[in-house]
Amino acid sequence: MQRPWWMTAIAAFFVLSLLLNVPRDLLYPEYGNVEVWLGFEVTGAAAYWSAPIHWAMFAVGAWAFWTCKPWALPATAGYAFYVAFSHILWNATSPNGGGWSAGLLQAAVFSAAGLRAPVAPFAAPLTNST
């Protein structure tokens, strides 16, 4: 099966996310000391111990797109909606957030990506070319 270019691009995005986030979380305490889960900030030990969950999600995403798993695109769309919802909550509840209007704007961007993903014209079913 030949991997479509867009699956390679998304896999590369996930790998790039890993290459940026893992060293940042481990080497820079000001970044590694905060994680956001369901829109709420966790800090300290909870952030340190939960960061690998984010890394694992990106690693699984990279693997899924690289190996053309059929569930990769719907799972990524679902994650985009989760991120959109989290941005609304984070902006509304965090002292670092920008309020409801910023949260809704950010949520619109992530929701658009989530809506676009499963219906994209390049998201045709994968076929075995052997």
C-alpha atoms as a PDB file:
ATOM      1  CA  MET A   1       0.000   0.000   0.000  1.00  0.00           C
ATOM      2  CA  GLN A   2       1.382   3.372  -0.957  1.00  0.00           C
ATOM      3  CA  ARG A   3       0.969   6.035   1.720  1.00  0.00           C
ATOM      4  CA  PRO A   4      -0.749   9.209   0.456  1.00  0.00           C
ATOM      5  CA  TRP A   5       1.283  12.416   0.716  1.00  0.00           C
ATOM      6  CA  TRP A   6      -1.126  13.912   3.234  1.00  0.00           C
ATOM      7  CA  MET A   7      -0.672  10.971   5.626  1.00  0.00           C
ATOM      8  CA  THR A   8       3.083  11.461   5.414  1.00  0.00           C
ATOM      9  CA  ALA A   9       2.634  15.169   6.130  1.00  0.00           C
ATOM     10  CA  ILE A  10       0.464  14.530   9.190  1.00  0.00           C
ATOM     11  CA  ALA A  11       2.864  11.862  10.472  1.00  0.00           C
ATOM     12  CA  ALA A  12       5.713  14.367  10.045  1.00  0.00           C
ATOM     13  CA  PHE A  13       3.698  16.968  11.978  1.00  0.00           C
ATOM     14  CA  PHE A  14       3.302  14.542  14.878  1.00  0.00           C
ATOM     15  CA  VAL A  15       7.021  13.684  14.829  1.00  0.00           C
ATOM     16  CA  LEU A  16       7.901  17.389  14.779  1.00  0.00           C
ATOM     17  CA  SER A  17       5.556  17.924  17.738  1.00  0.00           C
ATOM     18  CA  LEU A  18       7.428  15.206  19.617  1.00  0.00           C
ATOM     19  CA  LEU A  19      10.830  16.645  18.714  1.00  0.00           C
ATOM     20  CA  LEU A  20       9.762  20.042  20.047  1.00  0.00           C
ATOM     21  CA  ASN A  21       7.704  19.033  23.088  1.00  0.00           C
ATOM     22  CA  VAL A  22       9.831  16.318  24.688  1.00  0.00           C
ATOM     23  CA  PRO A  23      13.017  18.394  25.040  1.00  0.00           C
ATOM     24  CA  ARG A  24      10.996  21.469  25.994  1.00  0.00           C
ATOM     25  CA  ASP A  25       9.183  19.587  28.757  1.00  0.00           C
ATOM     26  CA  LEU A  26      12.373  17.963  30.054  1.00  0.00           C
ATOM     27  CA  LEU A  27      14.922  20.767  29.716  1.00  0.00           C
ATOM     28  CA  TYR A  28      12.972  23.947  30.407  1.00  0.00           C
ATOM     29  CA  PRO A  29      11.220  23.870  33.797  1.00  0.00           C
ATOM     30  CA  GLU A  30       9.052  26.903  32.983  1.00  0.00           C
ATOM     31  CA  TYR A  31       7.404  24.845  30.215  1.00  0.00           C
ATOM     32  CA  GLY A  32       7.625  21.358  31.678  1.00  0.00           C
ATOM     33  CA  ASN A  33       5.975  22.483  34.894  1.00  0.00           C
ATOM     34  CA  VAL A  34       2.536  22.968  33.266  1.00  0.00           C
ATOM     35  CA  GLU A  35       0.299  20.618  31.306  1.00  0.00           C
ATOM     36  CA  VAL A  36      -3.282  21.300  30.270  1.00  0.00           C
ATOM     37  CA  TRP A  37      -5.836  18.504  30.526  1.00  0.00           C
ATOM     38  CA  LEU A  38      -9.482  19.069  29.579  1.00  0.00           C
ATOM     39  CA  GLY A  39      -8.842  22.789  29.730  1.00  0.00           C
ATOM     40  CA  PHE A  40      -7.407  22.842  33.247  1.00  0.00           C
ATOM     41  CA  GLU A  41      -3.770  23.453  34.087  1.00  0.00           C
ATOM     42  CA  VAL A  42      -1.932  20.902  36.161  1.00  0.00           C
ATOM     43  CA  THR A  43       1.405  21.911  37.607  1.00  0.00           C
ATOM     44  CA  GLY A  44       4.336  20.430  39.473  1.00  0.00           C
ATOM     45  CA  ALA A  45       4.581  16.667  39.786  1.00  0.00           C
ATOM     46  CA  ALA A  46       1.213  16.123  38.066  1.00  0.00           C
ATOM     47  CA  ALA A  47       2.473  18.002  35.008  1.00  0.00           C
ATOM     48  CA  TYR A  48       5.804  16.195  35.045  1.00  0.00           C
ATOM     49  CA  TRP A  49       4.201  12.761  35.262  1.00  0.00           C
ATOM     50  CA  SER A  50       1.382  13.446  32.795  1.00  0.00           C
ATOM     51  CA  ALA A  51       3.559  14.948  30.037  1.00  0.00           C
ATOM     52  CA  PRO A  52       4.486  11.479  28.697  1.00  0.00           C
ATOM     53  CA  ILE A  53       0.794  10.871  28.007  1.00  0.00           C
ATOM     54  CA  HIS A  54       0.848  13.782  25.547  1.00  0.00           C
ATOM     55  CA  TRP A  55       4.048  12.425  24.034  1.00  0.00           C
ATOM     56  CA  ALA A  56       2.488   8.974  23.651  1.00  0.00           C
ATOM     57  CA  MET A  57      -0.550  10.464  21.910  1.00  0.00           C
ATOM     58  CA  PHE A  58       1.693  12.214  19.384  1.00  0.00           C
ATOM     59  CA  ALA A  59       3.788   9.068  18.901  1.00  0.00           C
ATOM     60  CA  VAL A  60       0.690   6.937  18.297  1.00  0.00           C
ATOM     61  CA  GLY A  61      -0.610   9.555  15.854  1.00  0.00           C
ATOM     62  CA  ALA A  62       2.670   9.537  13.925  1.00  0.00           C
ATOM     63  CA  TRP A  63       2.684   5.740  13.789  1.00  0.00           C
ATOM     64  CA  ALA A  64      -0.984   5.569  12.770  1.00  0.00           C
ATOM     65  CA  PHE A  65      -0.569   7.963   9.855  1.00  0.00           C
ATOM     66  CA  TRP A  66       2.771   6.474   8.796  1.00  0.00           C
ATOM     67  CA  THR A  67       1.245   2.991   8.688  1.00  0.00           C
ATOM     68  CA  CYS A  68      -2.049   4.217   7.137  1.00  0.00           C
ATOM     69  CA  LYS A  69      -4.332   3.035   9.916  1.00  0.00           C
ATOM     70  CA  PRO A  70      -7.963   3.651   8.897  1.00  0.00           C
ATOM     71  CA  TRP A  71      -8.863   5.046  12.334  1.00  0.00           C
ATOM     72  CA  ALA A  72      -6.105   7.689  12.288  1.00  0.00           C
ATOM     73  CA  LEU A  73      -8.100  10.439  10.595  1.00  0.00           C
ATOM     74  CA  PRO A  74     -11.310  10.112  12.672  1.00  0.00           C
ATOM     75  CA  ALA A  75      -9.248   9.858  15.875  1.00  0.00           C
ATOM     76  CA  THR A  76      -7.335  13.003  14.951  1.00  0.00           C
ATOM     77  CA  ALA A  77     -10.593  14.813  14.188  1.00  0.00           C
ATOM     78  CA  GLY A  78     -11.909  13.755  17.599  1.00  0.00           C
ATOM     79  CA  TYR A  79      -8.728  15.021  19.229  1.00  0.00           C
ATOM     80  CA  ALA A  80      -9.144  18.364  17.416  1.00  0.00           C
ATOM     81  CA  PHE A  81     -12.621  18.717  18.970  1.00  0.00           C
ATOM     82  CA  TYR A  82     -11.212  17.817  22.401  1.00  0.00           C
ATOM     83  CA  VAL A  83      -8.526  20.505  21.953  1.00  0.00           C
ATOM     84  CA  ALA A  84     -11.188  23.022  20.856  1.00  0.00           C
ATOM     85  CA  PHE A  85     -13.262  22.357  23.972  1.00  0.00           C
ATOM     86  CA  SER A  86     -10.143  22.509  26.144  1.00  0.00           C
ATOM     87  CA  HIS A  87      -9.222  25.911  24.696  1.00  0.00           C
ATOM     88  CA  ILE A  88     -12.614  27.301  25.671  1.00  0.00           C
ATOM     89  CA  LEU A  89     -12.252  26.050  29.247  1.00  0.00           C
ATOM     90  CA  TRP A  90      -8.608  27.049  29.572  1.00  0.00           C
ATOM     91  CA  ASN A  91      -9.201  30.612  28.333  1.00  0.00           C
ATOM     92  CA  ALA A  92     -12.152  30.980  30.694  1.00  0.00           C
ATOM     93  CA  THR A  93     -10.555  29.469  33.818  1.00  0.00           C
ATOM     94  CA  SER A  94      -6.814  30.120  33.646  1.00  0.00           C
ATOM     95  CA  PRO A  95      -5.222  33.379  34.759  1.00  0.00           C
ATOM     96  CA  ASN A  96      -3.097  32.963  31.618  1.00  0.00           C
ATOM     97  CA  GLY A  97      -6.179  32.646  29.384  1.00  0.00           C
ATOM     98  CA  GLY A  98      -7.687  35.392  27.291  1.00  0.00           C
ATOM     99  CA  GLY A  99     -11.327  34.988  28.347  1.00  0.00           C
ATOM    100  CA  TRP A 100     -14.352  33.544  26.600  1.00  0.00           C
ATOM    101  CA  SER A 101     -13.916  35.432  23.326  1.00  0.00           C
ATOM    102  CA  ALA A 102     -10.340  34.190  22.870  1.00  0.00           C
ATOM    103  CA  GLY A 103     -11.415  30.666  23.797  1.00  0.00           C
ATOM    104  CA  LEU A 104     -14.261  30.672  21.302  1.00  0.00           C
ATOM    105  CA  LEU A 105     -12.000  31.981  18.547  1.00  0.00           C
ATOM    106  CA  GLN A 106      -9.377  29.326  19.222  1.00  0.00           C
ATOM    107  CA  ALA A 107     -12.078  26.656  19.460  1.00  0.00           C
ATOM    108  CA  ALA A 108     -13.431  27.700  16.067  1.00  0.00           C
ATOM    109  CA  VAL A 109     -10.006  27.190  14.494  1.00  0.00           C
ATOM    110  CA  PHE A 110      -9.551  23.719  16.005  1.00  0.00           C
ATOM    111  CA  SER A 111     -13.147  22.734  15.271  1.00  0.00           C
ATOM    112  CA  ALA A 112     -12.713  23.748  11.635  1.00  0.00           C
ATOM    113  CA  ALA A 113      -9.724  21.408  11.438  1.00  0.00           C
ATOM    114  CA  GLY A 114     -11.756  18.641  13.062  1.00  0.00           C
ATOM    115  CA  LEU A 115     -14.691  19.136  10.703  1.00  0.00           C
ATOM    116  CA  ARG A 116     -12.470  19.313   7.651  1.00  0.00           C
ATOM    117  CA  ALA A 117     -10.419  16.226   8.404  1.00  0.00           C
ATOM    118  CA  PRO A 118     -12.959  13.435   7.831  1.00  0.00           C
ATOM    119  CA  VAL A 119     -14.529  15.019   4.749  1.00  0.00           C
ATOM    120  CA  ALA A 120     -11.379  16.236   3.043  1.00  0.00           C
ATOM    121  CA  PRO A 121     -11.271  15.399  -0.657  1.00  0.00           C
ATOM    122  CA  PHE A 122      -7.948  13.651  -0.172  1.00  0.00           C
ATOM    123  CA  ALA A 123      -9.418  11.414   2.529  1.00  0.00           C
ATOM    124  CA  ALA A 124     -10.544   8.798   0.032  1.00  0.00           C
ATOM    125  CA  PRO A 125     -10.443   5.224   1.311  1.00  0.00           C
ATOM    126  CA  LEU A 126      -7.038   3.637   1.084  1.00  0.00           C
ATOM    127  CA  THR A 127      -6.731   0.794  -1.372  1.00  0.00           C
ATOM    128  CA  ASN A 128      -4.167  -1.911  -1.658  1.00  0.00           C
ATOM    129  CA  SER A 129      -2.275  -1.425  -4.910  1.00  0.00           C
ATOM    130  CA  THR A 130      -0.824  -4.944  -5.038  1.00  0.00           C
END
